Amino acid sequence: MSPELQLPRAARTFVSFVALLRANGFAVAPEQTTAFLAAIALLGPRNLDDIKQSALATLAPPPERRATFDRLFDLHFRGGEAIEHAEDGEDDETVRLQEEGRGDEEPLLSDDANESGLTATRTEALVERRFAQFSTTDVLRRLAREAPRRLPRRRGHRRMRARRGPFADLRRTLRDSVRSDGEILRLGHMKRRQRPRKILLLIDVSGSMKSRTEENMKLAHALVQAAPSVEVFTFGTRLTRVTRALRLKRREQALNAAAHLVSDWDGGTRIGDALQAFLAVPRFGGYARGAAVVILSDGLERGEPDALRDAVAKLSRRAWRLSWLTPLATGPGFRPQTEALVAIERFVDDLVDGGSSASIVAHVLALGRRAA
């Protein structure tokens, strides 16, 4: 008989939470699990807050992973209820795009927005999306395997020893000279350390991108897991930061958490307003500074192209490199035809194919060949 079956039924929920923590990279010793159960028995908890305080006191999650711990706790003990939005449907990670002068437009029904997914609209349609079960594809395996050595890097401020470099390592040189009676036989060198460059991924989840949304979210999760400095946002009629959800190690849990956070799946398209809203929030706009910015969108903007053009121009000045990947770019000789893509073409460094996970992964990995 397995140890889980020997446990009292009331204790199995708490032990399975510890197993969930271990599956997501938390180090929990057996004695901590015992202390967790003892604390719950001692408190005789009347609500989930008592259980959470017991978990924090006994399981001791690292401060830098507190957000992930809180998310796993909510997913395990509260389920979908924990990641539903507040009464107004918004939180500090979601920016609703303002409707100005659009009161005469007919609201699009959610059923209509989800049925076709072939056209771009400006109208907001809030829906919940469920991601299907899947196995890891070869493309995502390649991203996970090659990302650490092929993603773009930048020169840091700290220095390291090197055979050749622009800086002299006086400390090592003098230390080595002691062995040769004070005579300097070889000059030590130093160079700047290489650090991973920030990556900002902006994913269009509007109706016109419906066929690519799920694959793009899988790719985003693989990228977040493979690189240390990745930020992910979705946009349609709202701008939503989903980085925290995608940091969960298990892909099914991460995508389900993201599915509850984002409420504008397969709805309207307001790219210019979304990017303007992104830049208007200082905390969000800071993610783009010096970053490799990748936008996954078809560029089928229903609004005025001026707002989109201005936002992309500002974003390009902050970013190290700005790439726009669209399913409309079907070949090497692609020339933009839509008004929106024509307006932003001169501000982006790359306007290439984003119609498949293979092409997106190939482009992201190729960014590392650019000059630091």
Protein backbone atom coordinates (compact mmCIF):
# COMPACT_ATOMS: atom_id res chain seq x y z
CA MET A 1 0.00 0.00 0.00
CA SER A 2 1.41 3.41 -0.98
CA PRO A 3 2.19 6.02 1.71
CA GLU A 4 -0.42 8.35 0.21
CA LEU A 5 -3.17 5.75 0.76
CA GLN A 6 -2.07 5.28 4.38
CA LEU A 7 -2.55 8.97 5.14
CA PRO A 8 -5.80 10.17 6.70
CA ARG A 9 -8.11 11.55 4.07
CA ALA A 10 -8.02 15.03 5.63
CA ALA A 11 -4.22 15.17 5.34
CA ARG A 12 -3.95 14.15 1.69
CA THR A 13 -4.82 17.61 0.39
CA PHE A 14 -1.98 19.19 2.37
CA VAL A 15 0.57 16.54 1.44
CA SER A 16 -0.35 16.87 -2.25
CA PHE A 17 0.29 20.62 -1.97
CA VAL A 18 3.83 19.87 -0.79
CA ALA A 19 4.24 17.53 -3.76
CA LEU A 20 3.09 20.35 -6.06
CA LEU A 21 5.71 22.66 -4.57
CA ARG A 22 8.46 20.09 -5.14
CA ALA A 23 7.31 19.60 -8.74
CA ASN A 24 7.77 23.33 -9.30
CA GLY A 25 11.30 23.47 -7.93
CA PHE A 26 10.75 24.22 -4.22
CA ALA A 27 12.99 22.39 -1.75
CA VAL A 28 10.78 20.98 0.99
CA ALA A 29 12.27 18.52 3.48
CA PRO A 30 10.16 15.67 4.97
CA GLU A 31 10.37 17.24 8.44
CA GLN A 32 8.92 20.46 7.00
CA THR A 33 5.94 18.51 5.71
CA THR A 34 5.45 17.01 9.16
CA ALA A 35 5.69 20.46 10.74
CA PHE A 36 3.16 21.80 8.23
CA LEU A 37 0.63 19.12 9.18
CA ALA A 38 1.31 19.68 12.89
CA ALA A 39 0.77 23.45 12.52
CA ILE A 40 -2.56 22.90 10.79
CA ALA A 41 -3.66 20.49 13.53
CA LEU A 42 -2.56 22.99 16.19
CA LEU A 43 -4.40 25.93 14.66
CA GLY A 44 -7.54 24.03 13.79
CA PRO A 45 -7.83 26.35 10.78
CA ARG A 46 -11.10 28.12 10.20
CA ASN A 47 -10.20 29.54 6.80
CA LEU A 48 -7.59 29.36 4.06
CA ASP A 49 -5.61 32.26 5.50
CA ASP A 50 -4.75 30.11 8.53
CA ILE A 51 -3.55 27.34 6.23
CA LYS A 52 -1.46 29.78 4.20
CA GLN A 53 0.18 31.21 7.30
CA SER A 54 1.00 27.69 8.46
CA ALA A 55 2.53 26.92 5.05
CA LEU A 56 4.63 30.08 5.06
CA ALA A 57 5.90 29.44 8.60
CA THR A 58 6.84 25.79 8.10
CA LEU A 59 7.62 25.37 4.39
CA ALA A 60 9.64 28.62 4.27
CA PRO A 61 9.53 29.57 0.56
CA PRO A 62 12.43 31.79 -0.58
CA PRO A 63 11.49 35.49 -0.67
CA GLU A 64 12.31 35.76 -4.37
CA ARG A 65 9.84 32.95 -5.15
CA ARG A 66 7.04 34.14 -2.90
CA ALA A 67 4.86 35.14 -5.88
CA THR A 68 5.14 31.64 -7.37
CA PHE A 69 4.38 30.09 -3.98
CA ASP A 70 1.24 32.25 -3.64
CA ARG A 71 0.10 31.30 -7.13
CA LEU A 72 0.55 27.58 -6.47
CA PHE A 73 -1.29 27.88 -3.15
CA ASP A 74 -4.21 29.61 -4.83
CA LEU A 75 -4.33 27.11 -7.68
CA HIS A 76 -4.26 24.14 -5.29
CA PHE A 77 -6.64 25.29 -2.56
CA ARG A 78 -8.87 27.78 -4.34
CA GLY A 79 -8.84 26.49 -7.90
CA GLY A 80 -10.28 28.77 -10.58
CA GLU A 81 -11.87 31.01 -7.96
CA ALA A 82 -8.45 32.33 -6.94
CA ILE A 83 -7.52 33.73 -10.31
CA GLU A 84 -10.80 35.27 -11.24
CA HIS A 85 -10.66 39.03 -11.44
CA ALA A 86 -12.03 41.41 -8.85
CA GLU A 87 -15.51 42.88 -9.14
CA ASP A 88 -14.48 45.25 -11.92
CA GLY A 89 -12.62 42.45 -13.71
CA GLU A 90 -9.22 44.16 -13.49
CA ASP A 91 -6.08 44.10 -11.36
CA ASP A 92 -2.69 45.76 -11.40
CA GLU A 93 -1.49 43.41 -14.15
CA THR A 94 -4.36 44.25 -16.54
CA VAL A 95 -4.95 47.51 -18.37
CA ARG A 96 -8.31 47.97 -20.03
CA LEU A 97 -8.02 50.05 -23.19
CA GLN A 98 -10.16 53.16 -22.99
CA GLU A 99 -13.10 53.58 -25.34
CA GLU A 100 -13.22 57.20 -26.55
CA GLY A 101 -15.89 58.33 -28.93
CA ARG A 102 -17.01 54.76 -29.66
CA GLY A 103 -20.33 54.64 -27.89
CA ASP A 104 -22.24 54.30 -31.12
CA GLU A 105 -20.59 51.00 -32.04
CA GLU A 106 -22.59 47.82 -31.74
CA PRO A 107 -21.05 45.49 -29.10
CA LEU A 108 -19.91 42.21 -30.57
CA LEU A 109 -21.41 39.14 -28.92
CA SER A 110 -18.92 36.72 -27.43
CA ASP A 111 -20.32 33.85 -29.51
CA ASP A 112 -19.80 35.83 -32.71
CA ALA A 113 -16.24 36.73 -31.74
CA ASN A 114 -15.28 33.13 -31.02
CA GLU A 115 -17.02 31.53 -33.98
CA SER A 116 -14.90 32.66 -36.88
CA GLY A 117 -11.72 34.31 -35.62
CA LEU A 118 -11.05 35.43 -39.18
CA THR A 119 -11.61 39.18 -38.92
CA ALA A 120 -10.22 41.94 -36.75
CA THR A 121 -12.57 44.16 -34.76
CA ARG A 122 -12.24 46.96 -32.23
CA THR A 123 -15.03 45.66 -30.02
CA GLU A 124 -14.27 44.04 -26.67
CA ALA A 125 -15.49 40.50 -26.11
CA LEU A 126 -14.48 38.96 -22.80
CA VAL A 127 -14.24 35.18 -22.78
CA GLU A 128 -12.41 32.43 -20.94
CA ARG A 129 -10.13 30.16 -22.91
CA ARG A 130 -9.22 26.55 -22.11
CA PHE A 131 -5.99 25.06 -23.43
CA ALA A 132 -5.99 21.50 -24.63
CA GLN A 133 -3.69 18.83 -23.23
CA PHE A 134 -0.61 18.42 -25.38
CA SER A 135 2.84 16.88 -25.60
CA THR A 136 6.01 18.90 -26.00
CA THR A 137 6.83 19.41 -29.66
CA ASP A 138 10.26 19.17 -31.25
CA VAL A 139 10.26 22.92 -31.83
CA LEU A 140 9.76 23.72 -28.15
CA ARG A 141 12.37 21.14 -27.19
CA ARG A 142 14.79 22.88 -29.50
CA LEU A 143 14.01 26.24 -27.90
CA ALA A 144 14.54 24.86 -24.40
CA ARG A 145 17.80 23.17 -25.43
CA GLU A 146 19.40 26.00 -27.40
CA ALA A 147 18.04 29.12 -25.68
CA PRO A 148 20.68 29.37 -22.90
CA ARG A 149 23.56 29.66 -25.38
CA ARG A 150 21.86 31.32 -28.38
CA LEU A 151 19.60 34.01 -26.93
CA PRO A 152 20.98 37.56 -27.16
CA ARG A 153 23.37 38.75 -24.47
CA ARG A 154 24.80 42.10 -23.47
CA ARG A 155 27.99 43.28 -21.79
CA GLY A 156 27.59 43.70 -18.06
CA HIS A 157 29.42 46.14 -15.80
CA ARG A 158 31.31 43.49 -13.83
CA ARG A 159 34.55 42.07 -15.15
CA MET A 160 36.02 38.59 -15.33
CA ARG A 161 39.39 37.03 -16.06
CA ALA A 162 40.21 36.42 -19.69
CA ARG A 163 43.11 35.42 -21.90
CA ARG A 164 42.59 38.59 -23.91
CA GLY A 165 40.65 41.68 -23.04
CA PRO A 166 40.69 45.48 -23.01
CA PHE A 167 41.33 45.74 -19.25
CA ALA A 168 44.47 44.89 -17.28
CA ASP A 169 44.11 42.58 -14.29
CA LEU A 170 46.59 44.28 -11.99
CA ARG A 171 45.75 42.21 -8.94
CA ARG A 172 46.45 38.91 -10.67
CA THR A 173 49.52 40.35 -12.41
CA LEU A 174 51.08 41.49 -9.13
CA ARG A 175 50.21 38.24 -7.39
CA ASP A 176 51.88 36.23 -10.15
CA SER A 177 54.95 38.47 -10.06
CA VAL A 178 55.66 37.36 -6.47
CA ARG A 179 56.44 33.89 -7.78
CA SER A 180 59.10 35.34 -10.11
CA ASP A 181 60.83 37.62 -7.58
CA GLY A 182 58.80 40.68 -8.54
CA GLU A 183 59.37 40.37 -12.27
CA ILE A 184 56.26 40.65 -14.43
CA LEU A 185 56.39 37.92 -17.03
CA ARG A 186 52.83 38.11 -18.26
CA LEU A 187 50.13 40.76 -18.01
CA GLY A 188 46.73 39.52 -16.88
CA HIS A 189 43.64 40.62 -18.76
CA MET A 190 39.98 41.11 -17.96
CA LYS A 191 36.83 41.58 -19.96
CA ARG A 192 33.22 42.42 -19.19
CA ARG A 193 30.91 39.59 -18.25
CA GLN A 194 28.16 38.66 -20.66
CA ARG A 195 24.65 38.83 -19.23
CA PRO A 196 21.37 37.66 -20.77
CA ARG A 197 19.54 40.46 -22.51
CA LYS A 198 15.95 41.12 -21.50
CA ILE A 199 13.29 39.75 -23.83
CA LEU A 200 9.82 41.30 -24.09
CA LEU A 201 7.15 39.21 -25.82
CA LEU A 202 3.86 40.88 -26.81
CA ILE A 203 1.21 38.41 -28.05
CA ASP A 204 -1.90 39.38 -30.00
CA VAL A 205 -4.84 37.29 -28.70
CA SER A 206 -7.55 38.90 -30.83
CA GLY A 207 -10.00 37.03 -33.04
CA SER A 208 -7.90 37.38 -36.18
CA MET A 209 -5.03 35.55 -34.42
CA LYS A 210 -7.23 32.80 -33.00
CA SER A 211 -5.55 30.00 -34.97
CA ARG A 212 -2.12 30.93 -33.55
CA THR A 213 -2.99 31.92 -29.98
CA GLU A 214 -2.55 28.56 -28.28
CA GLU A 215 0.75 27.76 -30.01
CA ASN A 216 2.08 31.23 -29.22
CA MET A 217 1.24 30.79 -25.54
CA LYS A 218 3.01 27.41 -25.44
CA LEU A 219 6.05 29.03 -27.01
CA ALA A 220 5.92 31.89 -24.49
CA HIS A 221 5.92 29.41 -21.60
CA ALA A 222 8.92 27.55 -23.04
CA LEU A 223 10.79 30.84 -23.45
CA VAL A 224 10.04 31.96 -19.89
CA GLN A 225 11.30 28.63 -18.57
CA ALA A 226 14.45 28.70 -20.70
CA ALA A 227 15.61 32.29 -20.10
CA PRO A 228 15.96 34.29 -16.86
CA SER A 229 14.74 37.72 -18.05
CA VAL A 230 11.57 37.34 -20.10
CA GLU A 231 8.37 39.37 -19.81
CA VAL A 232 5.16 38.34 -21.58
CA PHE A 233 2.05 40.44 -22.25
CA THR A 234 -1.11 39.69 -24.18
CA PHE A 235 -3.23 42.31 -25.89
CA GLY A 236 -6.52 42.51 -27.73
CA THR A 237 -8.89 44.94 -26.11
CA ARG A 238 -6.93 44.74 -22.86
CA LEU A 239 -3.28 44.60 -21.96
CA THR A 240 -2.46 41.78 -19.53
CA ARG A 241 0.86 40.74 -18.00
CA VAL A 242 1.00 36.94 -17.85
CA THR A 243 4.67 36.49 -16.88
CA ARG A 244 3.87 35.39 -13.33
CA ALA A 245 1.51 32.66 -14.52
CA LEU A 246 3.98 31.38 -17.12
CA ARG A 247 6.70 30.99 -14.50
CA LEU A 248 4.92 27.91 -13.18
CA LYS A 249 7.05 24.95 -14.15
CA ARG A 250 4.29 22.62 -15.36
CA ARG A 251 2.99 23.84 -18.69
CA GLU A 252 -0.62 22.78 -18.18
CA GLN A 253 -0.83 24.66 -14.87
CA ALA A 254 0.88 27.72 -16.34
CA LEU A 255 -1.42 27.93 -19.34
CA ASN A 256 -4.52 27.37 -17.23
CA ALA A 257 -3.42 30.19 -14.93
CA ALA A 258 -2.86 32.45 -17.93
CA ALA A 259 -6.24 31.43 -19.37
CA HIS A 260 -7.95 32.78 -16.24
CA LEU A 261 -5.91 35.98 -16.17
CA VAL A 262 -6.65 37.01 -19.75
CA SER A 263 -10.30 37.84 -20.41
CA ASP A 264 -10.18 39.21 -23.97
CA TRP A 265 -9.35 36.04 -25.90
CA ASP A 266 -10.52 36.01 -29.54
CA GLY A 267 -12.10 39.44 -29.26
CA GLY A 268 -11.39 42.83 -30.78
CA THR A 269 -8.14 44.24 -32.13
CA ARG A 270 -6.77 47.57 -30.91
CA ILE A 271 -3.01 47.20 -31.31
CA GLY A 272 -2.16 50.89 -31.24
CA ASP A 273 -4.16 51.52 -28.07
CA ALA A 274 -2.61 48.45 -26.42
CA LEU A 275 0.95 49.57 -27.13
CA GLN A 276 0.15 53.12 -26.02
CA ALA A 277 -1.24 51.72 -22.76
CA PHE A 278 1.89 49.60 -22.32
CA LEU A 279 4.15 52.63 -22.66
CA ALA A 280 1.94 54.74 -20.40
CA VAL A 281 2.58 52.48 -17.37
CA PRO A 282 6.15 53.22 -16.18
CA ARG A 283 6.60 49.73 -14.69
CA PHE A 284 5.61 48.11 -17.97
CA GLY A 285 7.50 50.53 -20.21
CA GLY A 286 10.69 49.85 -18.27
CA TYR A 287 10.60 46.21 -19.40
CA ALA A 288 11.28 47.38 -22.98
CA ARG A 289 14.39 49.43 -22.21
CA GLY A 290 17.38 47.72 -23.80
CA ALA A 291 15.33 44.58 -24.47
CA ALA A 292 14.80 42.41 -27.50
CA VAL A 293 11.12 43.16 -28.17
CA VAL A 294 9.16 40.57 -30.16
CA ILE A 295 5.55 41.29 -31.21
CA LEU A 296 3.46 38.36 -32.46
CA SER A 297 0.57 39.92 -34.38
CA ASP A 298 -0.92 39.95 -37.87
CA GLY A 299 -1.12 43.75 -37.72
CA LEU A 300 -4.78 43.85 -38.75
CA GLU A 301 -5.52 47.08 -36.90
CA ARG A 302 -9.08 48.39 -36.97
CA GLY A 303 -8.20 51.77 -35.54
CA GLU A 304 -6.31 54.73 -36.92
CA PRO A 305 -2.75 53.80 -37.90
CA ASP A 306 -1.40 57.01 -36.34
CA ALA A 307 -1.69 55.65 -32.79
CA LEU A 308 0.03 52.43 -33.81
CA ARG A 309 2.78 54.25 -35.68
CA ASP A 310 3.51 56.58 -32.74
CA ALA A 311 3.56 53.71 -30.23
CA VAL A 312 5.89 51.56 -32.35
CA ALA A 313 8.20 54.54 -32.89
CA LYS A 314 8.48 55.09 -29.13
CA LEU A 315 8.94 51.37 -28.49
CA SER A 316 11.72 51.12 -31.07
CA ARG A 317 13.65 53.92 -29.36
CA ARG A 318 13.57 52.07 -26.06
CA ALA A 319 14.26 48.59 -27.36
CA TRP A 320 17.61 47.09 -28.34
CA ARG A 321 15.87 45.44 -31.29
CA LEU A 322 12.21 45.41 -32.30
CA SER A 323 10.86 42.44 -34.26
CA TRP A 324 7.33 42.15 -35.63
CA LEU A 325 6.37 38.60 -36.55
CA THR A 326 3.19 38.29 -38.59
CA PRO A 327 1.51 35.28 -40.23
CA LEU A 328 0.99 37.47 -43.30
CA ALA A 329 4.73 37.38 -44.10
CA THR A 330 4.71 34.20 -46.12
CA GLY A 331 8.03 34.51 -47.91
CA PRO A 332 11.42 36.26 -47.99
CA GLY A 333 10.13 38.82 -50.50
CA PHE A 334 7.22 39.87 -48.31
CA ARG A 335 6.11 43.47 -48.60
CA PRO A 336 3.44 44.82 -46.20
CA GLN A 337 0.08 45.51 -47.77
CA THR A 338 -2.10 46.49 -44.83
CA GLU A 339 -2.18 50.15 -43.79
CA ALA A 340 -0.96 49.37 -40.28
CA LEU A 341 2.07 47.33 -41.34
CA VAL A 342 3.02 49.93 -43.95
CA ALA A 343 2.88 52.61 -41.23
CA ILE A 344 5.22 50.79 -38.84
CA GLU A 345 7.61 49.17 -41.33
CA ARG A 346 10.31 51.85 -41.01
CA PHE A 347 10.36 51.62 -37.21
CA VAL A 348 10.87 47.87 -36.83
CA ASP A 349 14.18 46.06 -37.30
CA ASP A 350 12.54 42.85 -38.50
CA LEU A 351 9.20 42.27 -40.22
CA VAL A 352 9.22 38.53 -40.81
CA ASP A 353 7.15 35.36 -40.78
CA GLY A 354 5.29 34.51 -37.57
CA GLY A 355 2.91 31.95 -38.98
CA SER A 356 4.45 28.89 -37.30
CA SER A 357 6.23 28.02 -34.08
CA ALA A 358 9.25 26.87 -36.07
CA SER A 359 9.70 30.24 -37.77
CA ILE A 360 9.23 32.14 -34.49
CA VAL A 361 11.74 29.97 -32.62
CA ALA A 362 14.24 30.26 -35.46
CA HIS A 363 14.00 34.06 -35.38
CA VAL A 364 14.27 34.32 -31.59
CA LEU A 365 17.35 32.09 -31.53
CA ALA A 366 18.90 34.05 -34.38
CA LEU A 367 18.71 37.26 -32.34
CA GLY A 368 21.81 36.12 -30.47
CA ARG A 369 23.88 36.64 -33.62
CA ARG A 370 23.16 40.36 -33.55
CA ALA A 371 25.75 42.73 -32.13
CA ALA A 372 25.53 43.09 -28.33
